[in-house]
């Protein structure tokens, strides 16, 4: 009985740790020519992964340009063309509101709001 209880406690501890890490990864689905959710709130240092579940190609391209010398004109992040089934991830290192769009489909936009760590 004691061994069983230790086993259950260990399983709960491992599950809790896995859930903690999973909570820091966020997924945006691309489906029916839309980003779902269209607005996502995360914290600095967290990663967002976009998954293309649609039947057509898309991009995930930031509308915000970095202010670093030599980087002007380039988007903060850009997936390039994502075929159906492809994934793209970006980790957000600073707070702010980051708008992005599919450069293939006009009007297909999304927003990531990154809050500071507390």
PDB file of N, CA and C in Angstrom:
ATOM      1  N   UNK A   1       0.824  -1.201   0.000  1.00  0.00           N
ATOM      2  CA  UNK A   1       0.000   0.000   0.000  1.00  0.00           C
ATOM      3  C   UNK A   1       0.866   1.263   0.000  1.00  0.00           C
ATOM      4  N   UNK A   2       1.915   1.248   0.820  1.00  0.00           N
ATOM      5  CA  UNK A   2       2.807   2.389   0.919  1.00  0.00           C
ATOM      6  C   UNK A   2       3.482   2.659  -0.438  1.00  0.00           C
ATOM      7  N   UNK A   3       3.909   1.589  -1.112  1.00  0.00           N
ATOM      8  CA  UNK A   3       4.549   1.728  -2.421  1.00  0.00           C
ATOM      9  C   UNK A   3       3.578   2.315  -3.432  1.00  0.00           C
ATOM     10  N   UNK A   4       2.334   1.882  -3.381  1.00  0.00           N
ATOM     11  CA  UNK A   4       1.314   2.399  -4.287  1.00  0.00           C
ATOM     12  C   UNK A   4       1.115   3.894  -4.065  1.00  0.00           C
ATOM     13  N   UNK A   5       1.061   4.324  -2.803  1.00  0.00           N
ATOM     14  CA  UNK A   5       0.875   5.741  -2.498  1.00  0.00           C
ATOM     15  C   UNK A   5       2.067   6.572  -2.983  1.00  0.00           C
ATOM     16  N   UNK A   6       3.287   6.040  -2.791  1.00  0.00           N
ATOM     17  CA  UNK A   6       4.462   6.755  -3.295  1.00  0.00           C
ATOM     18  C   UNK A   6       4.416   6.862  -4.812  1.00  0.00           C
ATOM     19  N   UNK A   7       3.973   5.814  -5.479  1.00  0.00           N
ATOM     20  CA  UNK A   7       3.860   5.815  -6.936  1.00  0.00           C
ATOM     21  C   UNK A   7       2.852   6.845  -7.415  1.00  0.00           C
ATOM     22  N   UNK A   8       1.717   6.921  -6.742  1.00  0.00           N
ATOM     23  CA  UNK A   8       0.684   7.903  -7.105  1.00  0.00           C
ATOM     24  C   UNK A   8       1.200   9.318  -6.870  1.00  0.00           C
ATOM     25  N   UNK A   9       1.878   9.542  -5.734  1.00  0.00           N
ATOM     26  CA  UNK A   9       2.423  10.867  -5.428  1.00  0.00           C
ATOM     27  C   UNK A   9       3.464  11.277  -6.472  1.00  0.00           C
ATOM     28  N   UNK A  10       4.307  10.350  -6.868  1.00  0.00           N
ATOM     29  CA  UNK A  10       5.326  10.649  -7.881  1.00  0.00           C
ATOM     30  C   UNK A  10       4.676  10.980  -9.220  1.00  0.00           C
ATOM     31  N   UNK A  11       3.642  10.230  -9.589  1.00  0.00           N
ATOM     32  CA  UNK A  11       2.941  10.479 -10.849  1.00  0.00           C
ATOM     33  C   UNK A  11       2.289  11.856 -10.835  1.00  0.00           C
ATOM     34  N   UNK A  12       1.697  12.234  -9.713  1.00  0.00           N
ATOM     35  CA  UNK A  12       1.070  13.553  -9.611  1.00  0.00           C
ATOM     36  C   UNK A  12       2.113  14.659  -9.692  1.00  0.00           C
ATOM     37  N   UNK A  13       3.265  14.447  -9.071  1.00  0.00           N
ATOM     38  CA  UNK A  13       4.327  15.442  -9.108  1.00  0.00           C
ATOM     39  C   UNK A  13       4.835  15.624 -10.538  1.00  0.00           C
ATOM     40  N   UNK A  14       5.079  14.543 -11.248  1.00  0.00           N
ATOM     41  CA  UNK A  14       5.553  14.619 -12.625  1.00  0.00           C
ATOM     42  C   UNK A  14       4.505  15.273 -13.509  1.00  0.00           C
ATOM     43  N   UNK A  15       3.243  14.913 -13.327  1.00  0.00           N
ATOM     44  CA  UNK A  15       2.157  15.505 -14.107  1.00  0.00           C
ATOM     45  C   UNK A  15       2.083  17.004 -13.850  1.00  0.00           C
ATOM     46  N   UNK A  16       2.243  17.427 -12.617  1.00  0.00           N
ATOM     47  CA  UNK A  16       2.211  18.841 -12.274  1.00  0.00           C
ATOM     48  C   UNK A  16       3.345  19.608 -12.922  1.00  0.00           C
ATOM     49  N   UNK A  17       4.523  19.023 -12.952  1.00  0.00           N
ATOM     50  CA  UNK A  17       5.675  19.668 -13.591  1.00  0.00           C
ATOM     51  C   UNK A  17       5.443  19.775 -15.086  1.00  0.00           C
ATOM     52  N   UNK A  18       4.950  18.713 -15.709  1.00  0.00           N
ATOM     53  CA  UNK A  18       4.678  18.740 -17.153  1.00  0.00           C
ATOM     54  C   UNK A  18       3.628  19.792 -17.478  1.00  0.00           C
ATOM     55  N   UNK A  19       2.604  19.893 -16.645  1.00  0.00           N
ATOM     56  CA  UNK A  19       1.548  20.880 -16.876  1.00  0.00           C
ATOM     57  C   UNK A  19       2.100  22.296 -16.755  1.00  0.00           C
ATOM     58  N   UNK A  20       3.050  22.497 -15.826  1.00  0.00           N
ATOM     59  CA  UNK A  20       3.642  23.820 -15.651  1.00  0.00           C
ATOM     60  C   UNK A  20       4.386  24.242 -16.911  1.00  0.00           C
ATOM     61  N   UNK A  21       5.178  23.364 -17.488  1.00  0.00           N
ATOM     62  CA  UNK A  21       5.912  23.704 -18.698  1.00  0.00           C
ATOM     63  C   UNK A  21       4.978  23.862 -19.887  1.00  0.00           C
ATOM     64  N   UNK A  22       3.952  23.028 -19.979  1.00  0.00           N
ATOM     65  CA  UNK A  22       3.012  23.106 -21.097  1.00  0.00           C
ATOM     66  C   UNK A  22       2.263  24.434 -21.090  1.00  0.00           C
ATOM     67  N   UNK A  23       2.028  24.998 -19.901  1.00  0.00           N
ATOM     68  CA  UNK A  23       1.288  26.254 -19.793  1.00  0.00           C
ATOM     69  C   UNK A  23       2.068  27.417 -20.405  1.00  0.00           C
ATOM     70  N   UNK A  24       3.401  27.288 -20.543  1.00  0.00           N
ATOM     71  CA  UNK A  24       4.219  28.360 -21.079  1.00  0.00           C
ATOM     72  C   UNK A  24       4.287  28.318 -22.600  1.00  0.00           C
ATOM     73  N   UNK A  25       3.856  27.240 -23.201  1.00  0.00           N
ATOM     74  CA  UNK A  25       3.822  27.122 -24.654  1.00  0.00           C
ATOM     75  C   UNK A  25       2.396  27.380 -25.120  1.00  0.00           C
ATOM     76  N   UNK A  26       2.255  28.230 -26.107  1.00  0.00           N
ATOM     77  CA  UNK A  26       0.935  28.605 -26.590  1.00  0.00           C
ATOM     78  C   UNK A  26       0.815  28.226 -28.058  1.00  0.00           C
ATOM     79  N   UNK A  27      -0.369  27.801 -28.461  1.00  0.00           N
ATOM     80  CA  UNK A  27      -0.595  27.374 -29.839  1.00  0.00           C
ATOM     81  C   UNK A  27      -1.671  28.238 -30.474  1.00  0.00           C
ATOM     82  N   UNK A  28      -1.375  28.706 -31.690  1.00  0.00           N
ATOM     83  CA  UNK A  28      -2.361  29.405 -32.517  1.00  0.00           C
ATOM     84  C   UNK A  28      -2.609  28.501 -33.719  1.00  0.00           C
ATOM     85  N   UNK A  29      -3.850  28.118 -33.898  1.00  0.00           N
ATOM     86  CA  UNK A  29      -4.207  27.287 -35.041  1.00  0.00           C
ATOM     87  C   UNK A  29      -4.525  28.176 -36.244  1.00  0.00           C
ATOM     88  N   UNK A  30      -4.073  27.723 -37.403  1.00  0.00           N
ATOM     89  CA  UNK A  30      -4.420  28.400 -38.652  1.00  0.00           C
ATOM     90  C   UNK A  30      -5.406  27.477 -39.346  1.00  0.00           C
ATOM     91  N   UNK A  31      -6.639  27.954 -39.490  1.00  0.00           N
ATOM     92  CA  UNK A  31      -7.692  27.128 -40.065  1.00  0.00           C
ATOM     93  C   UNK A  31      -8.761  28.017 -40.683  1.00  0.00           C
ATOM     94  N   UNK A  32      -9.260  27.611 -41.839  1.00  0.00           N
ATOM     95  CA  UNK A  32     -10.303  28.355 -42.546  1.00  0.00           C
ATOM     96  C   UNK A  32      -9.911  29.811 -42.750  1.00  0.00           C
ATOM     97  N   UNK A  33      -8.649  30.024 -43.138  1.00  0.00           N
ATOM     98  CA  UNK A  33      -8.095  31.356 -43.403  1.00  0.00           C
ATOM     99  C   UNK A  33      -8.270  32.311 -42.224  1.00  0.00           C
ATOM    100  N   UNK A  34      -7.987  31.775 -41.015  1.00  0.00           N
ATOM    101  CA  UNK A  34      -8.058  32.588 -39.803  1.00  0.00           C
ATOM    102  C   UNK A  34      -7.055  32.068 -38.777  1.00  0.00           C
ATOM    103  N   UNK A  35      -6.557  32.986 -37.932  1.00  0.00           N
ATOM    104  CA  UNK A  35      -5.729  32.621 -36.788  1.00  0.00           C
ATOM    105  C   UNK A  35      -6.655  32.420 -35.598  1.00  0.00           C
ATOM    106  N   UNK A  36      -6.536  31.277 -34.925  1.00  0.00           N
ATOM    107  CA  UNK A  36      -7.430  30.957 -33.806  1.00  0.00           C
ATOM    108  C   UNK A  36      -6.597  30.572 -32.582  1.00  0.00           C
ATOM    109  N   UNK A  37      -6.554  31.363 -31.506  1.00  0.00           N
ATOM    110  CA  UNK A  37      -7.289  32.615 -31.326  1.00  0.00           C
ATOM    111  C   UNK A  37      -6.646  33.759 -32.101  1.00  0.00           C
ATOM    112  N   UNK A  38      -7.445  34.753 -32.384  1.00  0.00           N
ATOM    113  CA  UNK A  38      -6.960  35.925 -33.106  1.00  0.00           C
ATOM    114  C   UNK A  38      -6.160  36.865 -32.227  1.00  0.00           C
ATOM    115  N   UNK A  39      -6.362  36.771 -30.921  1.00  0.00           N
ATOM    116  CA  UNK A  39      -5.622  37.587 -29.938  1.00  0.00           C
ATOM    117  C   UNK A  39      -5.198  36.655 -28.816  1.00  0.00           C
ATOM    118  N   UNK A  40      -3.932  36.718 -28.466  1.00  0.00           N
ATOM    119  CA  UNK A  40      -3.384  35.837 -27.440  1.00  0.00           C
ATOM    120  C   UNK A  40      -2.558  36.669 -26.472  1.00  0.00           C
ATOM    121  N   UNK A  41      -2.751  36.453 -25.172  1.00  0.00           N
ATOM    122  CA  UNK A  41      -1.987  37.161 -24.149  1.00  0.00           C
ATOM    123  C   UNK A  41      -1.024  36.182 -23.493  1.00  0.00           C
ATOM    124  N   UNK A  42       0.265  36.554 -23.466  1.00  0.00           N
ATOM    125  CA  UNK A  42       1.312  35.715 -22.898  1.00  0.00           C
ATOM    126  C   UNK A  42       2.224  36.572 -22.039  1.00  0.00           C
ATOM    127  N   UNK A  43       3.280  35.958 -21.482  1.00  0.00           N
ATOM    128  CA  UNK A  43       4.279  36.686 -20.692  1.00  0.00           C
ATOM    129  C   UNK A  43       5.621  36.675 -21.418  1.00  0.00           C
ATOM    130  N   UNK A  44       6.469  37.623 -21.075  1.00  0.00           N
ATOM    131  CA  UNK A  44       7.809  37.701 -21.644  1.00  0.00           C
ATOM    132  C   UNK A  44       8.507  36.353 -21.475  1.00  0.00           C
ATOM    133  N   UNK A  45       9.174  35.899 -22.533  1.00  0.00           N
ATOM    134  CA  UNK A  45       9.916  34.644 -22.493  1.00  0.00           C
ATOM    135  C   UNK A  45       9.116  33.432 -22.922  1.00  0.00           C
ATOM    136  N   UNK A  46       7.824  33.594 -23.156  1.00  0.00           N
ATOM    137  CA  UNK A  46       6.998  32.460 -23.568  1.00  0.00           C
ATOM    138  C   UNK A  46       7.003  32.313 -25.084  1.00  0.00           C
ATOM    139  N   UNK A  47       6.759  31.082 -25.512  1.00  0.00           N
ATOM    140  CA  UNK A  47       6.809  30.745 -26.931  1.00  0.00           C
ATOM    141  C   UNK A  47       5.402  30.540 -27.482  1.00  0.00           C
ATOM    142  N   UNK A  48       5.212  30.998 -28.707  1.00  0.00           N
ATOM    143  CA  UNK A  48       3.958  30.761 -29.434  1.00  0.00           C
ATOM    144  C   UNK A  48       4.290  29.911 -30.656  1.00  0.00           C
ATOM    145  N   UNK A  49       3.494  28.875 -30.879  1.00  0.00           N
ATOM    146  CA  UNK A  49       3.647  28.024 -32.054  1.00  0.00           C
ATOM    147  C   UNK A  49       2.385  28.121 -32.888  1.00  0.00           C
ATOM    148  N   UNK A  50       2.553  28.445 -34.151  1.00  0.00           N
ATOM    149  CA  UNK A  50       1.443  28.487 -35.096  1.00  0.00           C
ATOM    150  C   UNK A  50       1.447  27.174 -35.872  1.00  0.00           C
ATOM    151  N   UNK A  51       0.287  26.544 -35.992  1.00  0.00           N
ATOM    152  CA  UNK A  51       0.161  25.282 -36.726  1.00  0.00           C
ATOM    153  C   UNK A  51      -0.841  25.471 -37.858  1.00  0.00           C
ATOM    154  N   UNK A  52      -0.424  25.131 -39.072  1.00  0.00           N
ATOM    155  CA  UNK A  52      -1.289  25.304 -40.238  1.00  0.00           C
ATOM    156  C   UNK A  52      -2.144  24.058 -40.435  1.00  0.00           C
ATOM    157  N   UNK A  53      -3.400  24.139 -39.994  1.00  0.00           N
ATOM    158  CA  UNK A  53      -4.374  23.063 -40.171  1.00  0.00           C
ATOM    159  C   UNK A  53      -5.218  23.288 -41.421  1.00  0.00           C
ATOM    160  N   UNK A  54      -4.963  24.376 -42.127  1.00  0.00           N
ATOM    161  CA  UNK A  54      -5.751  24.726 -43.303  1.00  0.00           C
ATOM    162  C   UNK A  54      -5.318  23.880 -44.503  1.00  0.00           C
ATOM    163  N   UNK A  55      -6.062  23.991 -45.583  1.00  0.00           N
ATOM    164  CA  UNK A  55      -5.764  23.239 -46.801  1.00  0.00           C
ATOM    165  C   UNK A  55      -4.913  24.034 -47.784  1.00  0.00           C
ATOM    166  N   UNK A  56      -4.549  25.279 -47.409  1.00  0.00           N
ATOM    167  CA  UNK A  56      -3.772  26.161 -48.286  1.00  0.00           C
ATOM    168  C   UNK A  56      -2.562  26.713 -47.531  1.00  0.00           C
ATOM    169  N   UNK A  57      -1.625  27.302 -48.277  1.00  0.00           N
ATOM    170  CA  UNK A  57      -0.426  27.908 -47.699  1.00  0.00           C
ATOM    171  C   UNK A  57      -0.773  29.207 -46.973  1.00  0.00           C
ATOM    172  N   UNK A  58       0.031  29.529 -45.949  1.00  0.00           N
ATOM    173  CA  UNK A  58      -0.104  30.776 -45.195  1.00  0.00           C
ATOM    174  C   UNK A  58       1.277  31.245 -44.771  1.00  0.00           C
ATOM    175  N   UNK A  59       1.337  32.476 -44.258  1.00  0.00           N
ATOM    176  CA  UNK A  59       2.536  32.961 -43.570  1.00  0.00           C
ATOM    177  C   UNK A  59       2.108  33.536 -42.221  1.00  0.00           C
ATOM    178  N   UNK A  60       3.074  33.640 -41.321  1.00  0.00           N
ATOM    179  CA  UNK A  60       2.907  34.338 -40.049  1.00  0.00           C
ATOM    180  C   UNK A  60       4.005  35.398 -40.062  1.00  0.00           C
ATOM    181  N   UNK A  61       3.623  36.639 -40.350  1.00  0.00           N
ATOM    182  CA  UNK A  61       4.602  37.702 -40.550  1.00  0.00           C
ATOM    183  C   UNK A  61       4.290  38.890 -39.643  1.00  0.00           C
ATOM    184  N   UNK A  62       5.244  39.233 -38.779  1.00  0.00           N
ATOM    185  CA  UNK A  62       5.068  40.359 -37.860  1.00  0.00           C
ATOM    186  C   UNK A  62       4.916  41.651 -38.630  1.00  0.00           C
ATOM    187  N   UNK A  63       4.047  42.503 -38.143  1.00  0.00           N
ATOM    188  CA  UNK A  63       3.865  43.824 -38.733  1.00  0.00           C
ATOM    189  C   UNK A  63       4.771  44.842 -38.046  1.00  0.00           C
ATOM    190  N   UNK A  64       5.370  44.459 -36.907  1.00  0.00           N
ATOM    191  CA  UNK A  64       6.266  45.318 -36.145  1.00  0.00           C
ATOM    192  C   UNK A  64       7.689  45.094 -36.623  1.00  0.00           C
ATOM    193  N   UNK A  65       8.378  46.170 -36.923  1.00  0.00           N
ATOM    194  CA  UNK A  65       9.768  46.087 -37.377  1.00  0.00           C
ATOM    195  C   UNK A  65      10.697  46.353 -36.184  1.00  0.00           C
ATOM    196  N   UNK A  66      11.798  45.614 -36.073  1.00  0.00           N
ATOM    197  CA  UNK A  66      12.738  45.873 -34.979  1.00  0.00           C
ATOM    198  C   UNK A  66      13.453  47.202 -35.159  1.00  0.00           C
ATOM    199  N   UNK A  67      13.890  47.783 -34.050  1.00  0.00           N
ATOM    200  CA  UNK A  67      14.551  49.091 -34.090  1.00  0.00           C
ATOM    201  C   UNK A  67      16.068  48.967 -34.076  1.00  0.00           C
ATOM    202  N   UNK A  68      16.605  47.752 -34.205  1.00  0.00           N
ATOM    203  CA  UNK A  68      18.049  47.559 -34.159  1.00  0.00           C
ATOM    204  C   UNK A  68      18.698  47.987 -35.472  1.00  0.00           C
ATOM    205  N   UNK A  69      19.882  48.592 -35.400  1.00  0.00           N
ATOM    206  CA  UNK A  69      20.584  48.978 -36.636  1.00  0.00           C
ATOM    207  C   UNK A  69      20.815  47.747 -37.525  1.00  0.00           C
ATOM    208  N   UNK A  70      20.621  47.910 -38.797  1.00  0.00           N
ATOM    209  CA  UNK A  70      20.822  46.808 -39.731  1.00  0.00           C
ATOM    210  C   UNK A  70      19.626  45.880 -39.854  1.00  0.00           C
ATOM    211  N   UNK A  71      18.644  46.050 -38.991  1.00  0.00           N
ATOM    212  CA  UNK A  71      17.470  45.179 -38.996  1.00  0.00           C
ATOM    213  C   UNK A  71      16.225  45.890 -39.537  1.00  0.00           C
ATOM    214  N   UNK A  72      16.313  47.218 -39.780  1.00  0.00           N
ATOM    215  CA  UNK A  72      15.152  47.947 -40.273  1.00  0.00           C
ATOM    216  C   UNK A  72      14.673  47.324 -41.580  1.00  0.00           C
ATOM    217  N   UNK A  73      13.384  47.286 -41.732  1.00  0.00           N
ATOM    218  CA  UNK A  73      12.792  46.742 -42.946  1.00  0.00           C
ATOM    219  C   UNK A  73      12.468  45.265 -42.850  1.00  0.00           C
ATOM    220  N   UNK A  74      13.062  44.572 -41.890  1.00  0.00           N
ATOM    221  CA  UNK A  74      12.765  43.151 -41.706  1.00  0.00           C
ATOM    222  C   UNK A  74      11.716  42.999 -40.610  1.00  0.00           C
ATOM    223  N   UNK A  75      10.775  42.079 -40.789  1.00  0.00           N
ATOM    224  CA  UNK A  75       9.805  41.852 -39.702  1.00  0.00           C
ATOM    225  C   UNK A  75      10.482  41.207 -38.499  1.00  0.00           C
ATOM    226  N   UNK A  76       9.921  41.426 -37.333  1.00  0.00           N
ATOM    227  CA  UNK A  76      10.447  40.841 -36.099  1.00  0.00           C
ATOM    228  C   UNK A  76      10.454  39.316 -36.191  1.00  0.00           C
ATOM    229  N   UNK A  77       9.428  38.750 -36.814  1.00  0.00           N
ATOM    230  CA  UNK A  77       9.388  37.306 -37.082  1.00  0.00           C
ATOM    231  C   UNK A  77       8.638  37.069 -38.376  1.00  0.00           C
ATOM    232  N   UNK A  78       9.030  36.020 -39.073  1.00  0.00           N
ATOM    233  CA  UNK A  78       8.401  35.678 -40.345  1.00  0.00           C
ATOM    234  C   UNK A  78       8.584  34.180 -40.594  1.00  0.00           C
ATOM    235  N   UNK A  79       7.495  33.492 -40.744  1.00  0.00           N
ATOM    236  CA  UNK A  79       7.533  32.041 -40.923  1.00  0.00           C
ATOM    237  C   UNK A  79       7.968  31.626 -42.318  1.00  0.00           C
ATOM    238  N   UNK A  80       7.871  32.537 -43.277  1.00  0.00           N
ATOM    239  CA  UNK A  80       7.985  32.112 -44.664  1.00  0.00           C
ATOM    240  C   UNK A  80       6.700  31.364 -45.015  1.00  0.00           C
ATOM    241  N   UNK A  81       6.661  30.758 -46.177  1.00  0.00           N
ATOM    242  CA  UNK A  81       5.439  30.051 -46.590  1.00  0.00           C
ATOM    243  C   UNK A  81       5.296  28.768 -45.768  1.00  0.00           C
ATOM    244  N   UNK A  82       4.132  28.638 -45.138  1.00  0.00           N
ATOM    245  CA  UNK A  82       3.810  27.434 -44.363  1.00  0.00           C
ATOM    246  C   UNK A  82       2.819  26.596 -45.154  1.00  0.00           C
ATOM    247  N   UNK A  83       3.239  25.432 -45.547  1.00  0.00           N
ATOM    248  CA  UNK A  83       2.356  24.481 -46.235  1.00  0.00           C
ATOM    249  C   UNK A  83       1.402  23.863 -45.215  1.00  0.00           C
ATOM    250  N   UNK A  84       0.292  23.264 -45.658  1.00  0.00           N
ATOM    251  CA  UNK A  84      -0.597  22.563 -44.721  1.00  0.00           C
ATOM    252  C   UNK A  84       0.201  21.557 -43.892  1.00  0.00           C
ATOM    253  N   UNK A  85      -0.007  21.603 -42.584  1.00  0.00           N
ATOM    254  CA  UNK A  85       0.691  20.718 -41.655  1.00  0.00           C
ATOM    255  C   UNK A  85       1.956  21.305 -41.060  1.00  0.00           C
ATOM    256  N   UNK A  86       2.474  22.413 -41.634  1.00  0.00           N
ATOM    257  CA  UNK A  86       3.695  23.034 -41.116  1.00  0.00           C
ATOM    258  C   UNK A  86       3.440  23.773 -39.807  1.00  0.00           C
ATOM    259  N   UNK A  87       4.534  23.965 -39.037  1.00  0.00           N
ATOM    260  CA  UNK A  87       4.495  24.719 -37.786  1.00  0.00           C
ATOM    261  C   UNK A  87       5.606  25.762 -37.799  1.00  0.00           C
ATOM    262  N   UNK A  88       5.375  26.841 -37.047  1.00  0.00           N
ATOM    263  CA  UNK A  88       6.368  27.899 -36.880  1.00  0.00           C
ATOM    264  C   UNK A  88       6.269  28.390 -35.445  1.00  0.00           C
ATOM    265  N   UNK A  89       7.420  28.602 -34.795  1.00  0.00           N
ATOM    266  CA  UNK A  89       7.433  29.074 -33.404  1.00  0.00           C
ATOM    267  C   UNK A  89       8.275  30.328 -33.265  1.00  0.00           C
ATOM    268  N   UNK A  90       7.876  31.163 -32.297  1.00  0.00           N
ATOM    269  CA  UNK A  90       8.638  32.362 -31.956  1.00  0.00           C
ATOM    270  C   UNK A  90       8.532  32.575 -30.452  1.00  0.00           C
ATOM    271  N   UNK A  91       9.668  32.855 -29.814  1.00  0.00           N
ATOM    272  CA  UNK A  91       9.700  33.181 -28.392  1.00  0.00           C
ATOM    273  C   UNK A  91       9.783  34.696 -28.261  1.00  0.00           C
ATOM    274  N   UNK A  92       8.902  35.252 -27.450  1.00  0.00           N
ATOM    275  CA  UNK A  92       8.799  36.705 -27.300  1.00  0.00           C
ATOM    276  C   UNK A  92       9.666  37.158 -26.129  1.00  0.00           C
ATOM    277  N   UNK A  93      10.723  37.925 -26.437  1.00  0.00           N
ATOM    278  CA  UNK A  93      11.719  38.323 -25.448  1.00  0.00           C
ATOM    279  C   UNK A  93      11.409  39.644 -24.756  1.00  0.00           C
ATOM    280  N   UNK A  94      10.457  40.407 -25.297  1.00  0.00           N
ATOM    281  CA  UNK A  94      10.144  41.691 -24.671  1.00  0.00           C
ATOM    282  C   UNK A  94       8.631  41.916 -24.669  1.00  0.00           C
ATOM    283  N   UNK A  95       8.207  42.791 -23.766  1.00  0.00           N
ATOM    284  CA  UNK A  95       6.775  43.072 -23.650  1.00  0.00           C
ATOM    285  C   UNK A  95       6.326  43.983 -24.783  1.00  0.00           C
ATOM    286  N   UNK A  96       5.026  43.964 -25.041  1.00  0.00           N
ATOM    287  CA  UNK A  96       4.458  44.812 -26.068  1.00  0.00           C
ATOM    288  C   UNK A  96       3.308  44.126 -26.767  1.00  0.00           C
ATOM    289  N   UNK A  97       2.744  44.821 -27.733  1.00  0.00           N
ATOM    290  CA  UNK A  97       1.665  44.276 -28.549  1.00  0.00           C
ATOM    291  C   UNK A  97       2.230  44.063 -29.942  1.00  0.00           C
ATOM    292  N   UNK A  98       2.121  42.822 -30.425  1.00  0.00           N
ATOM    293  CA  UNK A  98       2.721  42.440 -31.699  1.00  0.00           C
ATOM    294  C   UNK A  98       1.621  41.965 -32.642  1.00  0.00           C
ATOM    295  N   UNK A  99       1.404  42.751 -33.677  1.00  0.00           N
ATOM    296  CA  UNK A  99       0.413  42.384 -34.683  1.00  0.00           C
ATOM    297  C   UNK A  99       1.117  41.617 -35.787  1.00  0.00           C
ATOM    298  N   UNK A 100       0.417  40.653 -36.348  1.00  0.00           N
ATOM    299  CA  UNK A 100       0.988  39.853 -37.427  1.00  0.00           C
ATOM    300  C   UNK A 100      -0.099  39.554 -38.449  1.00  0.00           C
ATOM    301  N   UNK A 101       0.324  39.087 -39.613  1.00  0.00           N
ATOM    302  CA  UNK A 101      -0.629  38.834 -40.690  1.00  0.00           C
ATOM    303  C   UNK A 101      -0.114  37.712 -41.583  1.00  0.00           C
ATOM    304  N   UNK A 102      -1.021  37.181 -42.368  1.00  0.00           N
ATOM    305  CA  UNK A 102      -0.668  36.283 -43.459  1.00  0.00           C
ATOM    306  C   UNK A 102      -0.466  37.177 -44.673  1.00  0.00           C
ATOM    307  N   UNK A 103       0.717  37.120 -45.267  1.00  0.00           N
ATOM    308  CA  UNK A 103       0.992  37.975 -46.420  1.00  0.00           C
ATOM    309  C   UNK A 103       0.333  37.454 -47.700  1.00  0.00           C
ATOM    310  N   UNK A 104      -0.202  36.251 -47.648  1.00  0.00           N
ATOM    311  CA  UNK A 104      -0.866  35.661 -48.810  1.00  0.00           C
ATOM    312  C   UNK A 104      -2.342  36.041 -48.850  1.00  0.00           C
ATOM    313  N   UNK A 105      -2.978  36.133 -47.675  1.00  0.00           N
ATOM    314  CA  UNK A 105      -4.427  36.376 -47.595  1.00  0.00           C
ATOM    315  C   UNK A 105      -4.706  37.700 -46.881  1.00  0.00           C
ATOM    316  N   UNK A 106      -5.070  38.710 -47.632  1.00  0.00           N
ATOM    317  CA  UNK A 106      -5.374  40.035 -47.090  1.00  0.00           C
ATOM    318  C   UNK A 106      -6.484  39.940 -46.038  1.00  0.00           C
ATOM    319  N   UNK A 107      -6.300  40.626 -44.937  1.00  0.00           N
ATOM    320  CA  UNK A 107      -7.303  40.653 -43.877  1.00  0.00           C
ATOM    321  C   UNK A 107      -7.145  39.539 -42.853  1.00  0.00           C
ATOM    322  N   UNK A 108      -6.209  38.638 -43.067  1.00  0.00           N
ATOM    323  CA  UNK A 108      -5.964  37.550 -42.119  1.00  0.00           C
ATOM    324  C   UNK A 108      -4.901  38.019 -41.136  1.00  0.00           C
ATOM    325  N   UNK A 109      -5.350  38.458 -39.937  1.00  0.00           N
ATOM    326  CA  UNK A 109      -4.443  39.074 -38.970  1.00  0.00           C
ATOM    327  C   UNK A 109      -4.620  38.472 -37.587  1.00  0.00           C
ATOM    328  N   UNK A 110      -3.639  38.729 -36.732  1.00  0.00           N
ATOM    329  CA  UNK A 110      -3.696  38.298 -35.342  1.00  0.00           C
ATOM    330  C   UNK A 110      -2.862  39.227 -34.485  1.00  0.00           C
ATOM    331  N   UNK A 111      -2.988  39.067 -33.166  1.00  0.00           N
ATOM    332  CA  UNK A 111      -2.275  39.916 -32.213  1.00  0.00           C
ATOM    333  C   UNK A 111      -1.763  39.077 -31.054  1.00  0.00           C
ATOM    334  N   UNK A 112      -0.499  39.299 -30.691  1.00  0.00           N
ATOM    335  CA  UNK A 112       0.082  38.711 -29.480  1.00  0.00           C
ATOM    336  C   UNK A 112       0.359  39.855 -28.531  1.00  0.00           C
ATOM    337  N   UNK A 113      -0.187  39.779 -27.317  1.00  0.00           N
ATOM    338  CA  UNK A 113       0.063  40.779 -26.278  1.00  0.00           C
ATOM    339  C   UNK A 113       0.984  40.127 -25.251  1.00  0.00           C
ATOM    340  N   UNK A 114       2.176  40.720 -25.075  1.00  0.00           N
ATOM    341  CA  UNK A 114       3.179  40.150 -24.185  1.00  0.00           C
ATOM    342  C   UNK A 114       3.292  41.040 -22.951  1.00  0.00           C
ATOM    343  N   UNK A 115       2.956  40.463 -21.804  1.00  0.00           N
ATOM    344  CA  UNK A 115       3.002  41.180 -20.529  1.00  0.00           C
ATOM    345  C   UNK A 115       4.336  40.906 -19.843  1.00  0.00           C
ATOM    346  N   UNK A 116       4.794  41.853 -19.005  1.00  0.00           N
ATOM    347  CA  UNK A 116       6.054  41.630 -18.290  1.00  0.00           C
ATOM    348  C   UNK A 116       5.897  40.507 -17.259  1.00  0.00           C
ATOM    349  N   UNK A 117       7.015  39.895 -16.876  1.00  0.00           N
ATOM    350  CA  UNK A 117       7.001  38.890 -15.812  1.00  0.00           C
ATOM    351  C   UNK A 117       6.697  39.594 -14.502  1.00  0.00           C
ATOM    352  N   UNK A 118       5.996  38.906 -13.627  1.00  0.00           N
ATOM    353  CA  UNK A 118       5.685  39.497 -12.306  1.00  0.00           C
ATOM    354  C   UNK A 118       6.378  38.726 -11.232  1.00  0.00           C
TER     355      UNK A 118
END
